[in-house]
Amino acid sequence: MDTRHLDLLRELAARGSVTAVAAATHRTPSAVSQQLRTAQREFGARLVEPRGRGIRLTEAGRLLADAGRDVARVLAEVQARFDEFRGEPAGVVRVAALPSAATLLLPGVLDELEATAVRLECDDVDLAEHEYAALVADYDIVIGHSLGKGPPPGADDLVGVLLAREPLDIAMRAGHPLAGLERVAADDLVEVEWYGVPVGYPFDTIRLAVEEATGRSVSVVQRLRDNRLVEALVARGDRVAILPRFTTPTGGAITLREIAGIETGRYLIALLRPDRAERLAVRRALASFRHHATAIATRPPPAGPPAALS
């Protein structure tokens, strides 16, 4: 049994098309198709079948693709043990991360790994939470977000590591009328205009919770992805926004306040393919992300207005 054929079927299961597999493995589509035909002859079974303009795995193909994942994990375990035998972990670890999570964690992780033979190649990727799982096809560690402690949609077959819970607060300019409150109420928030995020992004669930609590609609004037842009806009007017507590600069133009009576927060979760999670260099990088996330997650909530002097 040629393990290269198992790996090909695993890639096809993960990527969904011959073209995508070819691009990821630096081959031509015709070369991938030829290897699929060779695999079918070797196994004596039909492994793919037509589906629309493309193909999909048959039941036999899915069985062997699952086996390919198991084989890849075992080979990675062997490589990890051999790396341990030879000494310190080394190599390149590819990381994709939610931009605010990268802002929070990456500086400390890069500093820590500077003295090691592990090197990170990082991309910042801003996606809806259910889209992060697909990135593990091309990255060793994917740091995404979820509103629950469990893995986000599509990540059931992946290794998921909870890094931290990050509270989400209402952001406003320092002189905003609501900035004088210790915490803001849902009723306060339907009286002001918001900068929101695209529908389906985790922050938008807080807008929905406010609407459910009040029975009124929130006025969202813009839907934006970039937190730095939202910060700049919030600082210059009376509109508010949801921003993450740990990475939003405060003490100057922006004030953060908790929402009373509504659970707000997101979980930062590292997702890994099981075979890649065994690599010693990947394990070392992941340990660093966990260490820095734990240290940051103990930060206190934003301070309310100073108490009045008696």
C-alpha atoms as a PDB file:
ATOM      1  CA  MET A   1       0.000   0.000   0.000  1.00  0.00           C
ATOM      2  CA  ASP A   2       1.535   3.284  -1.137  1.00  0.00           C
ATOM      3  CA  THR A   3       1.080   5.882   1.614  1.00  0.00           C
ATOM      4  CA  ARG A   4       1.371   8.619  -1.023  1.00  0.00           C
ATOM      5  CA  HIS A   5      -1.993   7.501  -2.378  1.00  0.00           C
ATOM      6  CA  LEU A   6      -3.531   7.692   1.083  1.00  0.00           C
ATOM      7  CA  ASP A   7      -2.118  11.190   1.453  1.00  0.00           C
ATOM      8  CA  LEU A   8      -3.596  12.202  -1.901  1.00  0.00           C
ATOM      9  CA  LEU A   9      -7.043  10.988  -0.866  1.00  0.00           C
ATOM     10  CA  ARG A  10      -6.711  12.832   2.446  1.00  0.00           C
ATOM     11  CA  GLU A  11      -5.877  16.032   0.566  1.00  0.00           C
ATOM     12  CA  LEU A  12      -8.822  15.540  -1.775  1.00  0.00           C
ATOM     13  CA  ALA A  13     -11.164  15.056   1.183  1.00  0.00           C
ATOM     14  CA  ALA A  14      -9.863  18.241   2.783  1.00  0.00           C
ATOM     15  CA  ARG A  15      -9.772  20.468  -0.315  1.00  0.00           C
ATOM     16  CA  GLY A  16     -12.669  19.161  -2.350  1.00  0.00           C
ATOM     17  CA  SER A  17     -11.272  19.300  -5.885  1.00  0.00           C
ATOM     18  CA  VAL A  18      -8.415  18.086  -8.057  1.00  0.00           C
ATOM     19  CA  THR A  19      -7.566  21.694  -8.928  1.00  0.00           C
ATOM     20  CA  ALA A  20      -7.242  22.687  -5.267  1.00  0.00           C
ATOM     21  CA  VAL A  21      -5.102  19.636  -4.484  1.00  0.00           C
ATOM     22  CA  ALA A  22      -2.872  20.392  -7.468  1.00  0.00           C
ATOM     23  CA  ALA A  23      -2.366  24.000  -6.374  1.00  0.00           C
ATOM     24  CA  ALA A  24      -1.590  23.014  -2.781  1.00  0.00           C
ATOM     25  CA  THR A  25       0.859  20.265  -3.726  1.00  0.00           C
ATOM     26  CA  HIS A  26       2.537  22.170  -6.581  1.00  0.00           C
ATOM     27  CA  ARG A  27       1.452  19.742  -9.282  1.00  0.00           C
ATOM     28  CA  THR A  28      -0.679  20.001 -12.374  1.00  0.00           C
ATOM     29  CA  PRO A  29      -4.311  18.824 -12.270  1.00  0.00           C
ATOM     30  CA  SER A  30      -3.459  16.180 -14.870  1.00  0.00           C
ATOM     31  CA  ALA A  31      -0.697  14.805 -12.648  1.00  0.00           C
ATOM     32  CA  VAL A  32      -3.110  14.589  -9.702  1.00  0.00           C
ATOM     33  CA  SER A  33      -5.711  12.853 -11.887  1.00  0.00           C
ATOM     34  CA  GLN A  34      -3.092  10.380 -13.071  1.00  0.00           C
ATOM     35  CA  GLN A  35      -2.135   9.555  -9.475  1.00  0.00           C
ATOM     36  CA  LEU A  36      -5.814   9.025  -8.640  1.00  0.00           C
ATOM     37  CA  ARG A  37      -6.125   6.555 -11.516  1.00  0.00           C
ATOM     38  CA  THR A  38      -2.999   4.753 -10.297  1.00  0.00           C
ATOM     39  CA  ALA A  39      -4.410   4.619  -6.761  1.00  0.00           C
ATOM     40  CA  GLN A  40      -7.662   3.099  -8.032  1.00  0.00           C
ATOM     41  CA  ARG A  41      -5.750   0.387  -9.874  1.00  0.00           C
ATOM     42  CA  GLU A  42      -3.647  -0.345  -6.783  1.00  0.00           C
ATOM     43  CA  PHE A  43      -6.623  -0.619  -4.443  1.00  0.00           C
ATOM     44  CA  GLY A  44      -8.838  -2.366  -6.994  1.00  0.00           C
ATOM     45  CA  ALA A  45     -11.772  -0.108  -6.162  1.00  0.00           C
ATOM     46  CA  ARG A  46     -13.444   3.012  -7.456  1.00  0.00           C
ATOM     47  CA  LEU A  47     -12.257   5.839  -5.197  1.00  0.00           C
ATOM     48  CA  VAL A  48     -13.859   8.871  -6.861  1.00  0.00           C
ATOM     49  CA  GLU A  49     -17.041   9.519  -8.828  1.00  0.00           C
ATOM     50  CA  PRO A  50     -18.399  12.434 -10.876  1.00  0.00           C
ATOM     51  CA  ARG A  51     -20.218  15.227  -9.078  1.00  0.00           C
ATOM     52  CA  GLY A  52     -21.396  18.116 -11.217  1.00  0.00           C
ATOM     53  CA  ARG A  53     -18.320  19.414 -13.035  1.00  0.00           C
ATOM     54  CA  GLY A  54     -15.953  17.885 -10.489  1.00  0.00           C
ATOM     55  CA  ILE A  55     -15.543  14.685  -8.516  1.00  0.00           C
ATOM     56  CA  ARG A  56     -16.131  13.433  -5.008  1.00  0.00           C
ATOM     57  CA  LEU A  57     -14.837  10.516  -2.990  1.00  0.00           C
ATOM     58  CA  THR A  58     -16.784   7.266  -2.995  1.00  0.00           C
ATOM     59  CA  GLU A  59     -17.383   5.391   0.250  1.00  0.00           C
ATOM     60  CA  ALA A  60     -14.159   3.466  -0.369  1.00  0.00           C
ATOM     61  CA  GLY A  61     -12.330   6.707  -1.064  1.00  0.00           C
ATOM     62  CA  ARG A  62     -13.593   8.279   2.169  1.00  0.00           C
ATOM     63  CA  LEU A  63     -12.511   5.221   4.142  1.00  0.00           C
ATOM     64  CA  LEU A  64      -8.984   5.450   2.728  1.00  0.00           C
ATOM     65  CA  ALA A  65      -8.882   9.243   3.200  1.00  0.00           C
ATOM     66  CA  ASP A  66      -9.669   8.706   6.894  1.00  0.00           C
ATOM     67  CA  ALA A  67      -6.919   6.097   7.014  1.00  0.00           C
ATOM     68  CA  GLY A  68      -4.606   8.621   5.385  1.00  0.00           C
ATOM     69  CA  ARG A  69      -5.190  11.004   8.297  1.00  0.00           C
ATOM     70  CA  ASP A  70      -4.328   8.219  10.757  1.00  0.00           C
ATOM     71  CA  VAL A  71      -1.155   7.315   8.862  1.00  0.00           C
ATOM     72  CA  ALA A  72      -0.063  10.963   8.659  1.00  0.00           C
ATOM     73  CA  ARG A  73      -0.546  11.340  12.428  1.00  0.00           C
ATOM     74  CA  VAL A  74       1.488   8.218  13.211  1.00  0.00           C
ATOM     75  CA  LEU A  75       4.311   9.286  10.886  1.00  0.00           C
ATOM     76  CA  ALA A  76       4.323  12.703  12.560  1.00  0.00           C
ATOM     77  CA  GLU A  77       4.552  11.042  15.987  1.00  0.00           C
ATOM     78  CA  VAL A  78       7.577   9.050  14.828  1.00  0.00           C
ATOM     79  CA  GLN A  79       9.199  12.174  13.423  1.00  0.00           C
ATOM     80  CA  ALA A  80       8.543  14.035  16.685  1.00  0.00           C
ATOM     81  CA  ARG A  81      10.157  11.283  18.748  1.00  0.00           C
ATOM     82  CA  PHE A  82      13.153  11.273  16.446  1.00  0.00           C
ATOM     83  CA  ASP A  83      13.412  15.062  16.688  1.00  0.00           C
ATOM     84  CA  GLU A  84      13.403  14.754  20.475  1.00  0.00           C
ATOM     85  CA  PHE A  85      16.152  12.173  20.249  1.00  0.00           C
ATOM     86  CA  ARG A  86      18.264  14.517  18.121  1.00  0.00           C
ATOM     87  CA  GLY A  87      17.766  17.515  20.386  1.00  0.00           C
ATOM     88  CA  GLU A  88      15.817  20.779  20.359  1.00  0.00           C
ATOM     89  CA  PRO A  89      12.802  21.320  18.076  1.00  0.00           C
ATOM     90  CA  ALA A  90      13.581  23.109  14.859  1.00  0.00           C
ATOM     91  CA  GLY A  91      11.890  24.174  11.665  1.00  0.00           C
ATOM     92  CA  VAL A  92       9.305  26.532  10.239  1.00  0.00           C
ATOM     93  CA  VAL A  93       5.813  26.683  11.738  1.00  0.00           C
ATOM     94  CA  ARG A  94       3.150  28.363   9.606  1.00  0.00           C
ATOM     95  CA  VAL A  95       0.555  30.303  11.589  1.00  0.00           C
ATOM     96  CA  ALA A  96      -2.695  31.974  10.534  1.00  0.00           C
ATOM     97  CA  ALA A  97      -4.352  34.129  13.178  1.00  0.00           C
ATOM     98  CA  LEU A  98      -7.246  36.443  13.733  1.00  0.00           C
ATOM     99  CA  PRO A  99      -5.616  39.908  13.564  1.00  0.00           C
ATOM    100  CA  SER A 100      -6.590  40.971  17.095  1.00  0.00           C
ATOM    101  CA  ALA A 101      -5.387  37.621  18.472  1.00  0.00           C
ATOM    102  CA  ALA A 102      -2.097  38.083  16.617  1.00  0.00           C
ATOM    103  CA  THR A 103      -1.809  41.588  18.083  1.00  0.00           C
ATOM    104  CA  LEU A 104      -2.364  40.139  21.521  1.00  0.00           C
ATOM    105  CA  LEU A 105      -0.087  37.105  21.386  1.00  0.00           C
ATOM    106  CA  LEU A 106       2.397  37.280  18.553  1.00  0.00           C
ATOM    107  CA  PRO A 107       4.891  39.841  19.940  1.00  0.00           C
ATOM    108  CA  GLY A 108       5.534  37.768  23.053  1.00  0.00           C
ATOM    109  CA  VAL A 109       5.653  34.478  21.157  1.00  0.00           C
ATOM    110  CA  LEU A 110       8.133  35.806  18.607  1.00  0.00           C
ATOM    111  CA  ASP A 111      10.326  37.158  21.389  1.00  0.00           C
ATOM    112  CA  GLU A 112      10.269  33.837  23.217  1.00  0.00           C
ATOM    113  CA  LEU A 113      11.053  31.747  20.140  1.00  0.00           C
ATOM    114  CA  GLU A 114      13.845  34.063  19.020  1.00  0.00           C
ATOM    115  CA  ALA A 115      16.346  32.071  21.093  1.00  0.00           C
ATOM    116  CA  THR A 116      15.209  28.739  19.598  1.00  0.00           C
ATOM    117  CA  ALA A 117      15.519  27.048  16.226  1.00  0.00           C
ATOM    118  CA  VAL A 118      11.753  27.355  15.658  1.00  0.00           C
ATOM    119  CA  ARG A 119      10.742  30.019  13.154  1.00  0.00           C
ATOM    120  CA  LEU A 120       7.227  31.298  12.598  1.00  0.00           C
ATOM    121  CA  GLU A 121       5.716  32.370   9.287  1.00  0.00           C
ATOM    122  CA  CYS A 122       2.549  34.291  10.146  1.00  0.00           C
ATOM    123  CA  ASP A 123      -0.473  35.553   8.253  1.00  0.00           C
ATOM    124  CA  ASP A 124      -3.266  37.644   9.760  1.00  0.00           C
ATOM    125  CA  VAL A 125      -6.642  36.447   8.509  1.00  0.00           C
ATOM    126  CA  ASP A 126      -9.963  38.045   9.421  1.00  0.00           C
ATOM    127  CA  LEU A 127     -12.824  35.602   8.799  1.00  0.00           C
ATOM    128  CA  ALA A 128     -16.158  34.551  10.240  1.00  0.00           C
ATOM    129  CA  GLU A 129     -15.629  31.960  12.960  1.00  0.00           C
ATOM    130  CA  HIS A 130     -16.829  28.984  10.892  1.00  0.00           C
ATOM    131  CA  GLU A 131     -14.231  29.688   8.174  1.00  0.00           C
ATOM    132  CA  TYR A 132     -11.087  29.231  10.272  1.00  0.00           C
ATOM    133  CA  ALA A 133     -11.152  25.433  10.346  1.00  0.00           C
ATOM    134  CA  ALA A 134     -10.540  25.188   6.589  1.00  0.00           C
ATOM    135  CA  LEU A 135      -7.211  27.019   6.970  1.00  0.00           C
ATOM    136  CA  VAL A 136      -5.564  24.012   8.641  1.00  0.00           C
ATOM    137  CA  ALA A 137      -5.045  22.556   5.167  1.00  0.00           C
ATOM    138  CA  ASP A 138      -2.341  25.176   4.614  1.00  0.00           C
ATOM    139  CA  TYR A 139      -1.183  26.186   8.112  1.00  0.00           C
ATOM    140  CA  ASP A 140       0.289  24.328  11.075  1.00  0.00           C
ATOM    141  CA  ILE A 141      -1.533  26.451  13.681  1.00  0.00           C
ATOM    142  CA  VAL A 142      -4.715  28.422  13.035  1.00  0.00           C
ATOM    143  CA  ILE A 143      -5.879  30.808  15.758  1.00  0.00           C
ATOM    144  CA  GLY A 144      -9.525  31.662  15.334  1.00  0.00           C
ATOM    145  CA  HIS A 145     -12.415  32.721  17.525  1.00  0.00           C
ATOM    146  CA  SER A 146     -15.588  31.172  18.832  1.00  0.00           C
ATOM    147  CA  LEU A 147     -18.408  32.270  21.095  1.00  0.00           C
ATOM    148  CA  GLY A 148     -18.263  28.927  22.906  1.00  0.00           C
ATOM    149  CA  LYS A 149     -15.450  27.015  24.584  1.00  0.00           C
ATOM    150  CA  GLY A 150     -15.797  24.193  22.094  1.00  0.00           C
ATOM    151  CA  PRO A 151     -14.354  24.139  18.595  1.00  0.00           C
ATOM    152  CA  PRO A 152     -16.000  26.376  15.992  1.00  0.00           C
ATOM    153  CA  PRO A 153     -18.107  24.823  13.221  1.00  0.00           C
ATOM    154  CA  GLY A 154     -16.165  22.533  10.903  1.00  0.00           C
ATOM    155  CA  ALA A 155     -13.433  21.753  13.442  1.00  0.00           C
ATOM    156  CA  ASP A 156     -14.747  18.495  14.902  1.00  0.00           C
ATOM    157  CA  ASP A 157     -11.937  16.381  13.390  1.00  0.00           C
ATOM    158  CA  LEU A 158      -9.197  18.825  14.386  1.00  0.00           C
ATOM    159  CA  VAL A 159      -7.120  19.310  17.492  1.00  0.00           C
ATOM    160  CA  GLY A 160      -8.577  22.310  19.302  1.00  0.00           C
ATOM    161  CA  VAL A 161      -6.737  24.107  22.099  1.00  0.00           C
ATOM    162  CA  LEU A 162      -8.492  26.813  24.110  1.00  0.00           C
ATOM    163  CA  LEU A 163      -6.086  29.723  24.553  1.00  0.00           C
ATOM    164  CA  ALA A 164      -8.097  32.396  26.355  1.00  0.00           C
ATOM    165  CA  ARG A 165     -11.460  33.991  26.890  1.00  0.00           C
ATOM    166  CA  GLU A 166     -11.419  37.641  25.868  1.00  0.00           C
ATOM    167  CA  PRO A 167     -14.239  39.880  27.129  1.00  0.00           C
ATOM    168  CA  LEU A 168     -15.943  42.111  24.589  1.00  0.00           C
ATOM    169  CA  ASP A 169     -16.853  45.589  25.778  1.00  0.00           C
ATOM    170  CA  ILE A 170     -18.679  48.659  24.519  1.00  0.00           C
ATOM    171  CA  ALA A 171     -16.161  51.171  23.176  1.00  0.00           C
ATOM    172  CA  MET A 172     -16.875  54.910  23.097  1.00  0.00           C
ATOM    173  CA  ARG A 173     -14.979  58.177  23.057  1.00  0.00           C
ATOM    174  CA  ALA A 174     -13.626  59.248  26.424  1.00  0.00           C
ATOM    175  CA  GLY A 175     -16.106  62.123  26.751  1.00  0.00           C
ATOM    176  CA  HIS A 176     -19.174  60.134  25.685  1.00  0.00           C
ATOM    177  CA  PRO A 177     -22.246  60.487  27.955  1.00  0.00           C
ATOM    178  CA  LEU A 178     -22.162  56.726  28.669  1.00  0.00           C
ATOM    179  CA  ALA A 179     -18.499  56.883  29.737  1.00  0.00           C
ATOM    180  CA  GLY A 180     -19.607  58.240  33.106  1.00  0.00           C
ATOM    181  CA  LEU A 181     -21.359  54.957  33.934  1.00  0.00           C
ATOM    182  CA  GLU A 182     -19.625  52.049  35.663  1.00  0.00           C
ATOM    183  CA  ARG A 183     -21.428  49.643  33.310  1.00  0.00           C
ATOM    184  CA  VAL A 184     -23.834  50.325  30.454  1.00  0.00           C
ATOM    185  CA  ALA A 185     -27.297  48.807  30.193  1.00  0.00           C
ATOM    186  CA  ALA A 186     -28.908  47.349  27.092  1.00  0.00           C
ATOM    187  CA  ASP A 187     -31.487  50.148  27.195  1.00  0.00           C
ATOM    188  CA  ASP A 188     -28.661  52.705  26.969  1.00  0.00           C
ATOM    189  CA  LEU A 189     -27.289  51.053  23.844  1.00  0.00           C
ATOM    190  CA  VAL A 190     -30.438  51.249  21.723  1.00  0.00           C
ATOM    191  CA  GLU A 191     -30.408  55.019  22.182  1.00  0.00           C
ATOM    192  CA  VAL A 192     -27.112  55.473  20.313  1.00  0.00           C
ATOM    193  CA  GLU A 193     -25.795  54.574  16.866  1.00  0.00           C
ATOM    194  CA  TRP A 194     -23.297  51.728  16.407  1.00  0.00           C
ATOM    195  CA  TYR A 195     -20.401  50.745  14.228  1.00  0.00           C
ATOM    196  CA  GLY A 196     -21.024  47.040  13.728  1.00  0.00           C
ATOM    197  CA  VAL A 197     -19.348  44.043  12.119  1.00  0.00           C
ATOM    198  CA  PRO A 198     -20.560  41.921   9.183  1.00  0.00           C
ATOM    199  CA  VAL A 199     -23.482  39.642   9.977  1.00  0.00           C
ATOM    200  CA  GLY A 200     -22.158  36.242  11.100  1.00  0.00           C
ATOM    201  CA  TYR A 201     -19.096  37.607  12.895  1.00  0.00           C
ATOM    202  CA  PRO A 202     -19.003  36.880  16.651  1.00  0.00           C
ATOM    203  CA  PHE A 203     -19.317  40.507  17.736  1.00  0.00           C
ATOM    204  CA  ASP A 204     -22.685  40.764  15.997  1.00  0.00           C
ATOM    205  CA  THR A 205     -24.241  38.308  18.451  1.00  0.00           C
ATOM    206  CA  ILE A 206     -23.910  40.981  21.150  1.00  0.00           C
ATOM    207  CA  ARG A 207     -25.959  43.375  19.037  1.00  0.00           C
ATOM    208  CA  LEU A 208     -28.580  40.610  18.739  1.00  0.00           C
ATOM    209  CA  ALA A 209     -28.511  40.050  22.520  1.00  0.00           C
ATOM    210  CA  VAL A 210     -29.095  43.763  23.132  1.00  0.00           C
ATOM    211  CA  GLU A 211     -32.029  43.717  20.737  1.00  0.00           C
ATOM    212  CA  GLU A 212     -33.480  40.629  22.411  1.00  0.00           C
ATOM    213  CA  ALA A 213     -33.111  42.166  25.881  1.00  0.00           C
ATOM    214  CA  THR A 214     -34.786  45.436  24.887  1.00  0.00           C
ATOM    215  CA  GLY A 215     -37.219  44.403  22.187  1.00  0.00           C
ATOM    216  CA  ARG A 216     -35.826  47.219  20.068  1.00  0.00           C
ATOM    217  CA  SER A 217     -33.508  47.415  17.070  1.00  0.00           C
ATOM    218  CA  VAL A 218     -29.968  48.734  17.267  1.00  0.00           C
ATOM    219  CA  SER A 219     -29.055  51.378  14.687  1.00  0.00           C
ATOM    220  CA  VAL A 220     -25.946  50.091  12.889  1.00  0.00           C
ATOM    221  CA  VAL A 221     -24.619  52.796  10.555  1.00  0.00           C
ATOM    222  CA  GLN A 222     -21.566  50.922   9.207  1.00  0.00           C
ATOM    223  CA  ARG A 223     -20.411  47.294   9.264  1.00  0.00           C
ATOM    224  CA  LEU A 224     -16.620  47.113   9.387  1.00  0.00           C
ATOM    225  CA  ARG A 225     -14.026  44.395  10.002  1.00  0.00           C
ATOM    226  CA  ASP A 226     -10.890  46.247  11.046  1.00  0.00           C
ATOM    227  CA  ASN A 227     -10.692  47.065  14.759  1.00  0.00           C
ATOM    228  CA  ARG A 228      -8.149  49.850  14.243  1.00  0.00           C
ATOM    229  CA  LEU A 229     -10.533  51.585  11.830  1.00  0.00           C
ATOM    230  CA  VAL A 230     -13.415  51.194  14.273  1.00  0.00           C
ATOM    231  CA  GLU A 231     -11.264  52.655  17.078  1.00  0.00           C
ATOM    232  CA  ALA A 232     -10.465  55.719  14.972  1.00  0.00           C
ATOM    233  CA  LEU A 233     -14.124  56.296  14.159  1.00  0.00           C
ATOM    234  CA  VAL A 234     -15.357  55.741  17.716  1.00  0.00           C
ATOM    235  CA  ALA A 235     -12.794  58.204  19.085  1.00  0.00           C
ATOM    236  CA  ARG A 236     -14.146  61.017  16.877  1.00  0.00           C
ATOM    237  CA  GLY A 237     -17.890  60.866  17.494  1.00  0.00           C
ATOM    238  CA  ASP A 238     -20.788  59.635  19.611  1.00  0.00           C
ATOM    239  CA  ARG A 239     -21.229  56.239  17.975  1.00  0.00           C
ATOM    240  CA  VAL A 240     -20.257  53.129  19.921  1.00  0.00           C
ATOM    241  CA  ALA A 241     -18.901  49.712  18.949  1.00  0.00           C
ATOM    242  CA  ILE A 242     -18.041  46.309  20.351  1.00  0.00           C
ATOM    243  CA  LEU A 243     -14.279  45.897  20.765  1.00  0.00           C
ATOM    244  CA  PRO A 244     -12.079  43.281  22.474  1.00  0.00           C
ATOM    245  CA  ARG A 245     -10.816  44.258  25.901  1.00  0.00           C
ATOM    246  CA  PHE A 246      -7.227  43.041  25.722  1.00  0.00           C
ATOM    247  CA  THR A 247      -6.178  44.688  22.463  1.00  0.00           C
ATOM    248  CA  THR A 248      -8.097  47.957  22.456  1.00  0.00           C
ATOM    249  CA  PRO A 249      -5.944  50.921  23.542  1.00  0.00           C
ATOM    250  CA  THR A 250      -7.608  52.830  26.362  1.00  0.00           C
ATOM    251  CA  GLY A 251      -6.614  55.607  28.735  1.00  0.00           C
ATOM    252  CA  GLY A 252      -6.706  58.220  25.990  1.00  0.00           C
ATOM    253  CA  ALA A 253      -9.364  58.761  23.354  1.00  0.00           C
ATOM    254  CA  ILE A 254     -11.298  55.508  23.937  1.00  0.00           C
ATOM    255  CA  THR A 255     -13.175  54.185  26.965  1.00  0.00           C
ATOM    256  CA  LEU A 256     -14.418  50.605  27.432  1.00  0.00           C
ATOM    257  CA  ARG A 257     -17.426  49.640  29.525  1.00  0.00           C
ATOM    258  CA  GLU A 258     -18.971  46.269  30.346  1.00  0.00           C
ATOM    259  CA  ILE A 259     -22.585  45.583  29.421  1.00  0.00           C
ATOM    260  CA  ALA A 260     -24.725  44.854  32.450  1.00  0.00           C
ATOM    261  CA  GLY A 261     -26.741  41.646  32.374  1.00  0.00           C
ATOM    262  CA  ILE A 262     -25.443  40.312  29.041  1.00  0.00           C
ATOM    263  CA  GLU A 263     -22.718  37.695  28.732  1.00  0.00           C
ATOM    264  CA  THR A 264     -20.138  39.036  26.327  1.00  0.00           C
ATOM    265  CA  GLY A 265     -16.913  37.398  25.340  1.00  0.00           C
ATOM    266  CA  ARG A 266     -15.206  35.286  22.750  1.00  0.00           C
ATOM    267  CA  TYR A 267     -12.817  32.393  22.989  1.00  0.00           C
ATOM    268  CA  LEU A 268      -9.508  32.332  21.173  1.00  0.00           C
ATOM    269  CA  ILE A 269      -8.905  28.780  19.975  1.00  0.00           C
ATOM    270  CA  ALA A 270      -5.912  27.210  18.244  1.00  0.00           C
ATOM    271  CA  LEU A 271      -6.853  24.649  15.579  1.00  0.00           C
ATOM    272  CA  LEU A 272      -4.416  22.065  14.221  1.00  0.00           C
ATOM    273  CA  ARG A 273      -4.522  19.060  11.954  1.00  0.00           C
ATOM    274  CA  PRO A 274      -3.808  15.986  14.139  1.00  0.00           C
ATOM    275  CA  ASP A 275      -0.671  14.995  12.234  1.00  0.00           C
ATOM    276  CA  ARG A 276       0.815  18.475  12.310  1.00  0.00           C
ATOM    277  CA  ALA A 277       0.005  18.782  16.021  1.00  0.00           C
ATOM    278  CA  GLU A 278       2.583  16.029  16.624  1.00  0.00           C
ATOM    279  CA  ARG A 279       5.490  17.963  15.140  1.00  0.00           C
ATOM    280  CA  LEU A 280       7.915  18.993  17.841  1.00  0.00           C
ATOM    281  CA  ALA A 281       8.354  22.503  16.455  1.00  0.00           C
ATOM    282  CA  VAL A 282       4.583  22.963  16.284  1.00  0.00           C
ATOM    283  CA  ARG A 283       4.179  21.751  19.859  1.00  0.00           C
ATOM    284  CA  ARG A 284       6.847  24.223  20.999  1.00  0.00           C
ATOM    285  CA  ALA A 285       5.165  27.128  19.219  1.00  0.00           C
ATOM    286  CA  LEU A 286       1.752  26.147  20.564  1.00  0.00           C
ATOM    287  CA  ALA A 287       3.125  25.980  24.112  1.00  0.00           C
ATOM    288  CA  SER A 288       4.372  29.540  23.713  1.00  0.00           C
ATOM    289  CA  PHE A 289       0.973  30.760  22.488  1.00  0.00           C
ATOM    290  CA  ARG A 290      -0.694  29.071  25.470  1.00  0.00           C
ATOM    291  CA  HIS A 291       1.776  30.593  27.918  1.00  0.00           C
ATOM    292  CA  HIS A 292       1.264  34.149  26.695  1.00  0.00           C
ATOM    293  CA  ALA A 293      -2.514  33.742  26.412  1.00  0.00           C
ATOM    294  CA  THR A 294      -2.718  32.553  30.022  1.00  0.00           C
ATOM    295  CA  ALA A 295      -0.718  35.547  31.249  1.00  0.00           C
ATOM    296  CA  ILE A 296      -2.898  38.025  29.358  1.00  0.00           C
ATOM    297  CA  ALA A 297      -6.237  36.448  30.304  1.00  0.00           C
ATOM    298  CA  THR A 298      -5.790  37.479  33.951  1.00  0.00           C
ATOM    299  CA  ARG A 299      -6.105  41.179  33.154  1.00  0.00           C
ATOM    300  CA  PRO A 300      -8.794  42.974  35.199  1.00  0.00           C
ATOM    301  CA  PRO A 301     -11.917  44.571  33.657  1.00  0.00           C
ATOM    302  CA  PRO A 302     -11.716  48.233  32.571  1.00  0.00           C
ATOM    303  CA  ALA A 303     -11.959  50.690  35.422  1.00  0.00           C
ATOM    304  CA  GLY A 304     -15.191  52.622  35.792  1.00  0.00           C
ATOM    305  CA  PRO A 305     -15.389  56.344  36.492  1.00  0.00           C
ATOM    306  CA  PRO A 306     -13.609  57.543  39.643  1.00  0.00           C
ATOM    307  CA  ALA A 307     -15.703  57.645  42.792  1.00  0.00           C
ATOM    308  CA  ALA A 308     -17.030  61.059  43.809  1.00  0.00           C
ATOM    309  CA  LEU A 309     -15.231  62.743  46.701  1.00  0.00           C
ATOM    310  CA  SER A 310     -17.314  63.096  49.856  1.00  0.00           C
END
